[in-house]
C-alpha cells in the first residue's frame, strides 16, 4: 500500500473477505468458535485503526489478538475453553512484550520500554514452567524448550533494552516473533510430551527460511 501498488479499497476488500472466511469457518465448529473469531476480527480492526499508536493499549490489544488465536484453536473442543482459558494469558504477555518494544523499530525506542518488555518475557518464561503445578503438565518435558526460548530471545531483548536503537529493536522483534513457535512447542511438550514439542518446533526452520523472503517486523 505505501508503494501504491495496492489501493486502500482493494486491500479493504481482500481483508474483509479473509475475515469473513475465518468467521464462517469457525462457525462450522461451534458458536463459541465463531464468537472468538469475531472477537479476533474486531480486535484486529481496533488495533489497526486506533490502538497501535498507544504505548499501553497497543501492545495489550495485539496480545489479545494472539491470545484469542490460541483460544480459537482450543475451541475445537469447546468444553476445554472453560478449563484452559488461562493459557491465553501467556501469548497475551509475550506478544505484548514484542509489540511494546517494536514501537521503536523505526526511529529507536526508550530504555524503559525495553526493560518492561524484558519483565514481561521473564513472566512468560516463569509461567510456562509454573504450569508444572498442574497434574497434567510435565515441567521437565517443557524445560529444554523453555531454555531454548530464553537463549533465543533474552540476549536480543537485553541488547535492545541497553541500546534501544532501531537496528537492535528490529532484531529483537524478529527473533521474538519467530520464537513464538518455540513458546508453542514449550507448552505443547508440557501437556503432550517431548515428541509433540519437537513436532511443533519443526515449524521454526521453515519460518526462518520464509523470513528471508517476507519482512517479519
Foldseek 3Di string as FASTA:
>chain_A
DVVPPDDPVRVVVVVVVVLVVCLVVLVVQHPVLNVLSVVLVVLVVCLVPPQLPDLQSNLLSVLSNQLSVVVSVVCSVPVCCVVPVCVSVLSSLLSSLLSNLLVQLPAWDALVSLVSSLVSLVVSLVVLLVCCVDPQFPSVQLVVLSVVLCVQQVVLSVVCNVPGGNVSSLSNSQSSVLCVLSSVLSNCCRRPNNVSSVVSCVVSVVVVVVCVVDPRD
